[in-house]
N, C-alpha and C. Protein backbone atom coordinates (compact mmCIF):
# COMPACT_ATOMS: atom_id res chain seq x y z
N UNK A 1 6.98 7.34 -15.99
CA UNK A 1 7.38 6.01 -16.33
C UNK A 1 8.77 6.03 -16.95
N UNK A 2 9.56 5.06 -16.63
CA UNK A 2 10.89 4.98 -17.19
C UNK A 2 10.78 4.52 -18.64
N UNK A 3 11.56 5.14 -19.52
CA UNK A 3 11.42 4.83 -20.94
C UNK A 3 11.70 3.36 -21.25
N UNK A 4 12.70 2.77 -20.63
CA UNK A 4 12.97 1.35 -20.87
C UNK A 4 12.57 0.52 -19.67
N UNK A 5 11.80 1.11 -18.77
CA UNK A 5 11.28 0.42 -17.60
C UNK A 5 12.37 -0.22 -16.76
N UNK A 6 13.49 0.50 -16.59
CA UNK A 6 14.58 0.01 -15.75
C UNK A 6 14.39 0.50 -14.32
N UNK A 7 14.90 -0.26 -13.40
CA UNK A 7 14.83 0.11 -12.00
C UNK A 7 15.78 1.26 -11.70
N UNK A 8 15.37 2.07 -10.74
CA UNK A 8 16.26 3.11 -10.21
C UNK A 8 16.92 2.65 -8.92
N UNK A 9 16.64 1.45 -8.49
CA UNK A 9 17.14 0.97 -7.20
C UNK A 9 18.63 0.74 -7.20
N UNK A 10 19.23 0.64 -8.37
CA UNK A 10 20.65 0.34 -8.44
C UNK A 10 20.88 -1.15 -8.47
N UNK A 11 22.11 -1.55 -8.75
CA UNK A 11 22.38 -2.98 -8.88
C UNK A 11 22.23 -3.71 -7.55
N UNK A 12 21.77 -4.95 -7.64
CA UNK A 12 21.67 -5.81 -6.46
C UNK A 12 22.94 -6.63 -6.38
N UNK A 13 23.53 -6.68 -5.21
CA UNK A 13 24.73 -7.48 -4.99
C UNK A 13 24.31 -8.85 -4.48
N UNK A 14 25.06 -9.86 -4.87
CA UNK A 14 24.76 -11.21 -4.44
C UNK A 14 24.71 -11.33 -2.92
N UNK A 15 25.55 -10.57 -2.23
CA UNK A 15 25.64 -10.69 -0.78
C UNK A 15 24.50 -9.97 -0.06
N UNK A 16 23.80 -9.08 -0.79
CA UNK A 16 22.71 -8.34 -0.16
C UNK A 16 21.58 -9.30 0.18
N UNK A 17 21.07 -9.22 1.38
CA UNK A 17 19.97 -10.07 1.80
C UNK A 17 18.67 -9.31 1.65
N UNK A 18 18.38 -8.97 0.42
CA UNK A 18 17.15 -8.24 0.12
C UNK A 18 15.97 -9.19 0.26
N UNK A 19 14.92 -8.69 0.88
CA UNK A 19 13.68 -9.43 0.96
C UNK A 19 12.71 -8.80 -0.03
N UNK A 20 11.66 -9.54 -0.35
CA UNK A 20 10.71 -9.11 -1.35
C UNK A 20 9.30 -9.14 -0.78
N UNK A 21 8.52 -8.12 -1.14
CA UNK A 21 7.19 -7.93 -0.57
C UNK A 21 6.20 -7.54 -1.66
N UNK A 22 4.93 -7.69 -1.36
CA UNK A 22 3.86 -7.12 -2.15
C UNK A 22 3.05 -6.25 -1.20
N UNK A 23 2.82 -5.00 -1.61
CA UNK A 23 2.03 -4.07 -0.79
C UNK A 23 0.88 -3.56 -1.64
N UNK A 24 -0.32 -3.63 -1.06
CA UNK A 24 -1.53 -3.25 -1.78
C UNK A 24 -1.96 -1.84 -1.44
N UNK A 25 -2.44 -1.14 -2.46
CA UNK A 25 -3.04 0.18 -2.27
C UNK A 25 -4.14 0.36 -3.31
N UNK A 26 -5.23 0.95 -2.92
CA UNK A 26 -6.26 1.27 -3.90
C UNK A 26 -5.78 2.49 -4.68
N UNK A 27 -5.77 2.42 -6.01
CA UNK A 27 -5.25 3.55 -6.79
C UNK A 27 -6.02 4.84 -6.59
N UNK A 28 -7.27 4.75 -6.16
CA UNK A 28 -8.04 5.97 -5.88
C UNK A 28 -7.56 6.64 -4.59
N UNK A 29 -6.85 5.88 -3.76
CA UNK A 29 -6.30 6.42 -2.51
C UNK A 29 -4.85 6.84 -2.72
N UNK A 30 -4.03 5.92 -3.25
CA UNK A 30 -2.62 6.22 -3.51
C UNK A 30 -2.12 5.23 -4.55
N UNK A 31 -1.72 5.72 -5.71
CA UNK A 31 -1.32 4.87 -6.82
C UNK A 31 0.19 4.91 -7.04
N UNK A 32 0.66 4.04 -7.93
CA UNK A 32 2.07 4.05 -8.30
C UNK A 32 2.44 5.40 -8.93
N UNK A 33 1.52 6.03 -9.64
CA UNK A 33 1.79 7.35 -10.22
C UNK A 33 1.94 8.40 -9.13
N UNK A 34 1.16 8.27 -8.05
CA UNK A 34 1.34 9.18 -6.91
C UNK A 34 2.71 8.99 -6.29
N UNK A 35 3.13 7.74 -6.14
CA UNK A 35 4.45 7.47 -5.57
C UNK A 35 5.54 7.97 -6.49
N UNK A 36 5.37 7.81 -7.80
CA UNK A 36 6.35 8.32 -8.76
C UNK A 36 6.46 9.84 -8.63
N UNK A 37 5.34 10.51 -8.50
CA UNK A 37 5.34 11.97 -8.35
C UNK A 37 6.01 12.40 -7.04
N UNK A 38 5.66 11.71 -5.95
CA UNK A 38 6.15 12.08 -4.62
C UNK A 38 7.57 11.59 -4.34
N UNK A 39 7.96 10.52 -5.00
CA UNK A 39 9.29 9.95 -4.76
C UNK A 39 9.34 9.00 -3.58
N UNK A 40 8.64 9.37 -2.51
CA UNK A 40 8.64 8.58 -1.28
C UNK A 40 7.39 8.92 -0.49
N UNK A 41 6.87 7.96 0.26
CA UNK A 41 5.71 8.21 1.11
C UNK A 41 5.76 7.34 2.35
N UNK A 42 5.08 7.77 3.39
CA UNK A 42 4.89 6.97 4.59
C UNK A 42 3.70 6.04 4.33
N UNK A 43 3.87 4.75 4.57
CA UNK A 43 2.82 3.76 4.30
C UNK A 43 1.92 3.66 5.54
N UNK A 44 1.13 4.71 5.73
CA UNK A 44 0.32 4.82 6.94
C UNK A 44 -1.00 4.07 6.83
N UNK A 45 -1.62 3.87 7.98
CA UNK A 45 -2.98 3.36 8.02
C UNK A 45 -3.13 1.86 8.02
N UNK A 46 -2.05 1.11 8.10
CA UNK A 46 -2.17 -0.35 8.16
C UNK A 46 -2.72 -0.72 9.53
N UNK A 47 -3.86 -1.41 9.54
CA UNK A 47 -4.52 -1.77 10.80
C UNK A 47 -4.82 -3.27 10.86
N UNK A 48 -3.86 -4.04 10.42
CA UNK A 48 -3.91 -5.49 10.51
C UNK A 48 -2.63 -5.91 11.22
N UNK A 49 -2.78 -6.74 12.25
CA UNK A 49 -1.62 -7.08 13.07
C UNK A 49 -0.53 -7.81 12.30
N UNK A 50 -0.90 -8.74 11.42
CA UNK A 50 0.11 -9.48 10.68
C UNK A 50 0.87 -8.55 9.73
N UNK A 51 0.15 -7.67 9.04
CA UNK A 51 0.81 -6.70 8.14
C UNK A 51 1.69 -5.75 8.95
N UNK A 52 1.20 -5.31 10.10
CA UNK A 52 2.01 -4.46 10.98
C UNK A 52 3.29 -5.16 11.39
N UNK A 53 3.16 -6.43 11.74
CA UNK A 53 4.33 -7.19 12.18
C UNK A 53 5.36 -7.34 11.06
N UNK A 54 4.89 -7.52 9.83
CA UNK A 54 5.83 -7.58 8.71
C UNK A 54 6.63 -6.28 8.63
N UNK A 55 5.93 -5.14 8.73
CA UNK A 55 6.63 -3.85 8.65
C UNK A 55 7.56 -3.65 9.84
N UNK A 56 7.04 -3.89 11.02
CA UNK A 56 7.80 -3.62 12.25
C UNK A 56 8.96 -4.57 12.46
N UNK A 57 8.76 -5.85 12.16
CA UNK A 57 9.73 -6.86 12.56
C UNK A 57 10.60 -7.41 11.42
N UNK A 58 10.12 -7.30 10.18
CA UNK A 58 10.81 -7.99 9.10
C UNK A 58 11.35 -7.12 7.98
N UNK A 59 10.69 -6.02 7.68
CA UNK A 59 11.14 -5.18 6.56
C UNK A 59 12.42 -4.44 6.92
N UNK A 60 13.29 -4.35 5.90
CA UNK A 60 14.55 -3.62 6.07
C UNK A 60 14.71 -2.63 4.92
N UNK A 61 15.46 -1.58 5.18
CA UNK A 61 15.75 -0.60 4.14
C UNK A 61 16.40 -1.33 2.96
N UNK A 62 15.90 -1.06 1.76
CA UNK A 62 16.43 -1.68 0.56
C UNK A 62 15.62 -2.87 0.07
N UNK A 63 14.74 -3.42 0.92
CA UNK A 63 13.87 -4.49 0.45
C UNK A 63 13.04 -3.98 -0.72
N UNK A 64 12.72 -4.86 -1.64
CA UNK A 64 11.96 -4.48 -2.83
C UNK A 64 10.50 -4.89 -2.71
N UNK A 65 9.64 -4.09 -3.33
CA UNK A 65 8.19 -4.21 -3.16
C UNK A 65 7.50 -4.24 -4.52
N UNK A 66 6.60 -5.19 -4.70
CA UNK A 66 5.67 -5.16 -5.82
C UNK A 66 4.52 -4.27 -5.38
N UNK A 67 4.29 -3.17 -6.09
CA UNK A 67 3.24 -2.20 -5.74
C UNK A 67 1.97 -2.65 -6.45
N UNK A 68 1.00 -3.09 -5.67
CA UNK A 68 -0.21 -3.73 -6.19
C UNK A 68 -1.41 -2.79 -6.07
N UNK A 69 -2.12 -2.60 -7.18
CA UNK A 69 -3.36 -1.81 -7.17
C UNK A 69 -4.52 -2.76 -6.88
N UNK A 70 -5.16 -2.58 -5.72
CA UNK A 70 -6.31 -3.41 -5.36
C UNK A 70 -7.60 -2.64 -5.65
N UNK A 71 -8.69 -3.37 -5.71
CA UNK A 71 -10.01 -2.76 -6.00
C UNK A 71 -9.92 -1.85 -7.21
N UNK A 72 -9.28 -2.34 -8.25
CA UNK A 72 -9.09 -1.58 -9.47
C UNK A 72 -9.60 -2.41 -10.65
N UNK A 73 -9.64 -1.80 -11.80
CA UNK A 73 -10.06 -2.50 -13.00
C UNK A 73 -8.99 -2.36 -14.07
N UNK A 74 -8.06 -3.30 -14.17
CA UNK A 74 -7.97 -4.54 -13.38
C UNK A 74 -7.11 -4.33 -12.14
N UNK A 75 -7.31 -5.19 -11.16
CA UNK A 75 -6.39 -5.24 -10.02
C UNK A 75 -5.13 -5.95 -10.47
N UNK A 76 -3.97 -5.49 -9.98
CA UNK A 76 -2.73 -6.15 -10.35
C UNK A 76 -1.52 -5.34 -9.94
N UNK A 77 -0.35 -5.83 -10.31
CA UNK A 77 0.91 -5.17 -9.95
C UNK A 77 1.15 -4.03 -10.93
N UNK A 78 1.37 -2.84 -10.37
CA UNK A 78 1.52 -1.63 -11.18
C UNK A 78 2.96 -1.15 -11.27
N UNK A 79 3.83 -1.67 -10.40
CA UNK A 79 5.21 -1.21 -10.43
C UNK A 79 6.00 -1.77 -9.26
N UNK A 80 7.15 -1.16 -9.05
CA UNK A 80 8.08 -1.60 -8.01
C UNK A 80 8.47 -0.41 -7.14
N UNK A 81 8.58 -0.68 -5.86
CA UNK A 81 9.04 0.33 -4.89
C UNK A 81 10.11 -0.34 -4.03
N UNK A 82 10.66 0.43 -3.12
CA UNK A 82 11.61 -0.15 -2.17
C UNK A 82 11.36 0.44 -0.79
N UNK A 83 11.72 -0.32 0.21
CA UNK A 83 11.57 0.14 1.59
C UNK A 83 12.67 1.16 1.85
N UNK A 84 12.26 2.34 2.32
CA UNK A 84 13.19 3.47 2.46
C UNK A 84 13.44 3.87 3.91
N UNK A 85 12.84 3.16 4.87
CA UNK A 85 13.10 3.46 6.29
C UNK A 85 12.83 2.21 7.11
N UNK A 86 13.38 2.21 8.30
CA UNK A 86 12.99 1.21 9.28
C UNK A 86 11.59 1.59 9.75
N UNK A 87 10.90 0.67 10.37
CA UNK A 87 9.56 0.94 10.89
C UNK A 87 9.62 1.96 12.01
N UNK A 88 8.60 2.80 12.07
CA UNK A 88 8.45 3.77 13.15
C UNK A 88 6.96 3.95 13.44
N UNK A 89 6.59 4.49 14.61
CA UNK A 89 5.18 4.59 14.97
C UNK A 89 4.37 5.41 13.95
N UNK A 90 3.17 4.92 13.67
CA UNK A 90 2.25 5.59 12.76
C UNK A 90 1.53 6.68 13.55
N UNK A 91 1.96 7.92 13.37
CA UNK A 91 1.41 9.06 14.12
C UNK A 91 -0.08 9.28 13.83
N UNK A 92 -0.58 8.80 12.71
CA UNK A 92 -2.01 8.95 12.41
C UNK A 92 -2.86 8.23 13.46
N UNK A 93 -2.31 7.21 14.09
CA UNK A 93 -3.05 6.48 15.12
C UNK A 93 -3.29 7.34 16.36
N UNK A 94 -2.49 8.39 16.55
CA UNK A 94 -2.62 9.26 17.73
C UNK A 94 -3.52 10.46 17.46
N UNK A 95 -3.85 10.70 16.21
CA UNK A 95 -4.58 11.90 15.79
C UNK A 95 -6.08 11.61 15.72
N UNK A 96 -6.83 12.17 16.66
CA UNK A 96 -8.27 11.88 16.74
C UNK A 96 -9.03 12.35 15.50
N UNK A 97 -8.43 13.21 14.68
CA UNK A 97 -9.09 13.68 13.45
C UNK A 97 -8.76 12.80 12.24
N UNK A 98 -7.83 11.87 12.42
CA UNK A 98 -7.41 11.00 11.32
C UNK A 98 -8.36 9.81 11.19
N UNK A 99 -8.58 9.38 9.97
CA UNK A 99 -9.40 8.17 9.78
C UNK A 99 -8.67 6.93 10.28
N UNK A 100 -7.38 7.06 10.58
CA UNK A 100 -6.59 5.95 11.09
C UNK A 100 -6.39 6.01 12.61
N UNK A 101 -7.13 6.89 13.27
CA UNK A 101 -7.03 7.05 14.72
C UNK A 101 -7.37 5.75 15.44
N UNK A 102 -6.60 5.45 16.49
CA UNK A 102 -6.87 4.30 17.35
C UNK A 102 -6.59 4.74 18.78
N UNK A 103 -7.63 4.87 19.56
CA UNK A 103 -7.47 5.38 20.94
C UNK A 103 -6.59 4.49 21.81
N UNK A 104 -6.39 3.24 21.42
CA UNK A 104 -5.53 2.34 22.21
C UNK A 104 -4.05 2.61 21.99
N UNK A 105 -3.73 3.28 20.90
CA UNK A 105 -2.33 3.55 20.55
C UNK A 105 -1.92 4.92 21.06
N UNK A 106 -0.81 4.98 21.77
CA UNK A 106 -0.32 6.26 22.31
C UNK A 106 1.14 6.43 21.91
N UNK A 107 1.65 7.68 21.95
CA UNK A 107 3.07 7.87 21.64
C UNK A 107 4.00 7.07 22.56
N UNK A 108 3.58 6.87 23.81
CA UNK A 108 4.40 6.09 24.74
C UNK A 108 4.32 4.59 24.49
N UNK A 109 3.16 4.14 24.01
CA UNK A 109 2.95 2.72 23.71
C UNK A 109 2.25 2.60 22.36
N UNK A 110 3.03 2.85 21.29
CA UNK A 110 2.41 2.79 19.96
C UNK A 110 1.99 1.36 19.61
N UNK A 111 0.83 1.26 19.01
CA UNK A 111 0.31 -0.02 18.59
C UNK A 111 0.57 -0.26 17.10
N UNK A 112 0.59 0.82 16.34
CA UNK A 112 0.70 0.72 14.89
C UNK A 112 1.98 1.37 14.38
N UNK A 113 2.57 0.74 13.37
CA UNK A 113 3.84 1.19 12.80
C UNK A 113 3.71 1.32 11.29
N UNK A 114 4.67 2.01 10.69
CA UNK A 114 4.71 2.16 9.24
C UNK A 114 6.15 2.19 8.79
N UNK A 115 6.33 2.08 7.49
CA UNK A 115 7.64 2.26 6.86
C UNK A 115 7.48 3.29 5.77
N UNK A 116 8.58 3.91 5.38
CA UNK A 116 8.56 4.77 4.19
C UNK A 116 8.85 3.89 2.99
N UNK A 117 8.16 4.19 1.89
CA UNK A 117 8.28 3.45 0.65
C UNK A 117 8.70 4.43 -0.43
N UNK A 118 9.70 4.08 -1.23
CA UNK A 118 10.21 4.95 -2.28
C UNK A 118 9.94 4.35 -3.66
N UNK A 119 9.74 5.21 -4.62
CA UNK A 119 9.48 4.80 -6.00
C UNK A 119 10.73 4.18 -6.62
N UNK A 120 10.52 3.10 -7.40
CA UNK A 120 11.58 2.48 -8.18
C UNK A 120 11.21 2.48 -9.66
N UNK A 121 10.04 1.92 -10.00
CA UNK A 121 9.64 1.85 -11.40
C UNK A 121 8.14 1.67 -11.51
N UNK A 122 7.56 2.24 -12.56
CA UNK A 122 6.16 2.00 -12.90
C UNK A 122 6.13 1.11 -14.13
N UNK A 123 5.29 0.09 -14.10
CA UNK A 123 5.15 -0.77 -15.27
C UNK A 123 4.41 -0.01 -16.36
N UNK A 124 4.69 -0.34 -17.61
CA UNK A 124 3.98 0.30 -18.73
C UNK A 124 2.50 0.00 -18.65
N UNK A 125 2.17 -1.22 -18.23
CA UNK A 125 0.79 -1.63 -18.03
C UNK A 125 0.71 -2.44 -16.74
N UNK A 126 -0.43 -2.38 -16.09
CA UNK A 126 -0.64 -3.20 -14.89
C UNK A 126 -0.57 -4.67 -15.29
N UNK A 127 0.12 -5.46 -14.47
CA UNK A 127 0.13 -6.90 -14.66
C UNK A 127 -1.08 -7.44 -13.88
N UNK A 128 -2.14 -7.82 -14.60
CA UNK A 128 -3.40 -8.18 -13.93
C UNK A 128 -3.28 -9.44 -13.08
N UNK A 129 -4.08 -9.49 -12.03
CA UNK A 129 -4.12 -10.65 -11.14
C UNK A 129 -4.42 -11.92 -11.93
N UNK A 130 -5.26 -11.84 -12.95
CA UNK A 130 -5.59 -13.02 -13.75
C UNK A 130 -4.35 -13.61 -14.41
N UNK A 131 -3.45 -12.76 -14.92
CA UNK A 131 -2.21 -13.25 -15.53
C UNK A 131 -1.30 -13.87 -14.47
N UNK A 132 -1.29 -13.29 -13.30
CA UNK A 132 -0.50 -13.83 -12.19
C UNK A 132 -1.01 -15.23 -11.85
N UNK A 133 -2.32 -15.38 -11.78
CA UNK A 133 -2.91 -16.69 -11.45
C UNK A 133 -2.63 -17.73 -12.53
N UNK A 134 -2.50 -17.31 -13.77
CA UNK A 134 -2.30 -18.25 -14.88
C UNK A 134 -0.85 -18.70 -15.04
N UNK A 135 0.09 -17.95 -14.50
CA UNK A 135 1.51 -18.26 -14.68
C UNK A 135 1.94 -19.40 -13.75
N UNK A 136 2.36 -20.52 -14.34
CA UNK A 136 2.80 -21.67 -13.54
C UNK A 136 3.97 -21.29 -12.63
N UNK A 137 4.83 -20.39 -13.11
CA UNK A 137 6.01 -19.97 -12.33
C UNK A 137 5.61 -19.21 -11.06
N UNK A 138 4.37 -18.75 -11.01
CA UNK A 138 3.91 -17.98 -9.84
C UNK A 138 3.01 -18.81 -8.92
N UNK A 139 3.01 -20.11 -9.13
CA UNK A 139 2.22 -20.97 -8.25
C UNK A 139 2.66 -20.77 -6.81
N UNK A 140 1.69 -20.56 -5.93
CA UNK A 140 1.98 -20.38 -4.51
C UNK A 140 2.12 -18.93 -4.08
N UNK A 141 2.17 -17.98 -5.02
CA UNK A 141 2.25 -16.58 -4.62
C UNK A 141 0.98 -16.22 -3.84
N UNK A 142 1.15 -15.58 -2.72
CA UNK A 142 0.03 -15.35 -1.80
C UNK A 142 -1.12 -14.56 -2.43
N UNK A 143 -0.81 -13.56 -3.21
CA UNK A 143 -1.86 -12.69 -3.75
C UNK A 143 -2.83 -13.46 -4.65
N UNK A 144 -2.40 -14.59 -5.20
CA UNK A 144 -3.25 -15.37 -6.09
C UNK A 144 -4.13 -16.38 -5.34
N UNK A 145 -3.92 -16.51 -4.06
CA UNK A 145 -4.70 -17.48 -3.28
C UNK A 145 -6.09 -16.92 -2.98
N UNK A 146 -7.08 -17.78 -3.10
CA UNK A 146 -8.46 -17.41 -2.82
C UNK A 146 -8.59 -16.89 -1.38
N UNK A 147 -9.24 -15.74 -1.22
CA UNK A 147 -9.48 -15.19 0.10
C UNK A 147 -8.30 -14.44 0.71
N UNK A 148 -7.18 -14.31 -0.01
CA UNK A 148 -6.01 -13.62 0.53
C UNK A 148 -6.19 -12.12 0.41
N UNK A 149 -6.51 -11.48 1.51
CA UNK A 149 -6.78 -10.05 1.51
C UNK A 149 -5.71 -9.25 2.24
N UNK A 150 -4.70 -9.91 2.77
CA UNK A 150 -3.65 -9.24 3.53
C UNK A 150 -2.99 -8.16 2.67
N UNK A 151 -2.87 -6.96 3.21
CA UNK A 151 -2.38 -5.82 2.42
C UNK A 151 -0.86 -5.79 2.25
N UNK A 152 -0.15 -6.56 3.05
CA UNK A 152 1.30 -6.67 2.93
C UNK A 152 1.63 -8.16 3.00
N UNK A 153 2.36 -8.63 1.98
CA UNK A 153 2.65 -10.06 1.89
C UNK A 153 4.11 -10.29 1.50
N UNK A 154 4.75 -11.27 2.10
CA UNK A 154 6.08 -11.63 1.63
C UNK A 154 5.98 -12.30 0.26
N UNK A 155 7.00 -12.12 -0.55
CA UNK A 155 7.06 -12.70 -1.90
C UNK A 155 8.44 -13.34 -2.04
N UNK A 156 8.50 -14.49 -2.65
CA UNK A 156 9.80 -15.11 -2.87
C UNK A 156 10.57 -14.33 -3.94
N UNK A 157 11.88 -14.47 -3.93
CA UNK A 157 12.70 -13.80 -4.95
C UNK A 157 12.33 -14.28 -6.35
N UNK A 158 12.10 -15.59 -6.49
CA UNK A 158 11.73 -16.14 -7.80
C UNK A 158 10.40 -15.55 -8.28
N UNK A 159 9.43 -15.44 -7.40
CA UNK A 159 8.14 -14.84 -7.78
C UNK A 159 8.31 -13.37 -8.14
N UNK A 160 9.09 -12.65 -7.36
CA UNK A 160 9.32 -11.23 -7.63
C UNK A 160 9.93 -11.07 -9.02
N UNK A 161 10.97 -11.84 -9.30
CA UNK A 161 11.65 -11.73 -10.59
C UNK A 161 10.73 -12.11 -11.75
N UNK A 162 9.88 -13.11 -11.54
CA UNK A 162 9.00 -13.51 -12.63
C UNK A 162 7.91 -12.46 -12.89
N UNK A 163 7.37 -11.87 -11.84
CA UNK A 163 6.40 -10.78 -12.02
C UNK A 163 7.06 -9.66 -12.83
N UNK A 164 8.27 -9.29 -12.46
CA UNK A 164 8.97 -8.23 -13.20
C UNK A 164 9.21 -8.64 -14.65
N UNK A 165 9.57 -9.90 -14.86
CA UNK A 165 9.77 -10.40 -16.23
C UNK A 165 8.48 -10.29 -17.04
N UNK A 166 7.36 -10.73 -16.46
CA UNK A 166 6.08 -10.67 -17.17
C UNK A 166 5.68 -9.23 -17.50
N UNK A 167 6.07 -8.30 -16.63
CA UNK A 167 5.74 -6.89 -16.84
C UNK A 167 6.74 -6.17 -17.75
N UNK A 168 7.81 -6.87 -18.15
CA UNK A 168 8.82 -6.26 -19.01
C UNK A 168 9.73 -5.29 -18.28
N UNK A 169 9.90 -5.50 -17.00
CA UNK A 169 10.72 -4.61 -16.18
C UNK A 169 12.02 -5.34 -15.82
N UNK A 170 13.14 -4.72 -16.08
CA UNK A 170 14.44 -5.33 -15.80
C UNK A 170 14.78 -5.27 -14.32
N UNK A 171 15.35 -6.34 -13.83
CA UNK A 171 15.78 -6.40 -12.43
C UNK A 171 17.04 -5.57 -12.24
N UNK A 172 17.22 -4.98 -11.06
CA UNK A 172 18.47 -4.27 -10.76
C UNK A 172 19.65 -5.21 -10.96
N UNK A 173 20.70 -4.68 -11.61
CA UNK A 173 21.89 -5.48 -11.85
C UNK A 173 21.83 -6.24 -13.16
N UNK A 174 20.67 -6.21 -13.83
CA UNK A 174 20.49 -6.93 -15.10
C UNK A 174 20.18 -5.96 -16.22
N UNK A 175 20.83 -4.80 -16.22
CA UNK A 175 20.52 -3.76 -17.21
C UNK A 175 21.10 -4.05 -18.59
N UNK A 176 22.05 -4.98 -18.69
CA UNK A 176 22.71 -5.24 -19.98
C UNK A 176 21.78 -5.93 -20.95
């Protein structure tokens, strides 16, 4: 964890067209601490078409991510990551021994894609979903909507900044 919970992403420039995302992971499978230890990971195993399309068609290197711990006690945002690669085929889909194997996906016609995700910051404490739901400034954020189970979700810049504010994490470029 960063001592003052500052981002490692570097300053954000006004001209940068950074997009913002929320990506869910069960901490028993892969947590923000695992990402902090590893520095970067391939976000493999996404098997939902809409989430795949976000990675394949919309995510760009440098986009920022709210790293969300799902099926946890409490579930909530645990830190920040950034997109570290363009989308590329998820090789686990081709591996018959992988739990992510899909016989319909082939190296010549890949069905599933992934991006690499890099560590930026771990929050001192998880920002629980209940606090997110209670914040008026976060009205409309997808993760707070009833029945929203999508593992990758777009987030507005205002929502991203407010989540970081609630967690006590400084935005890139706002270190002063």
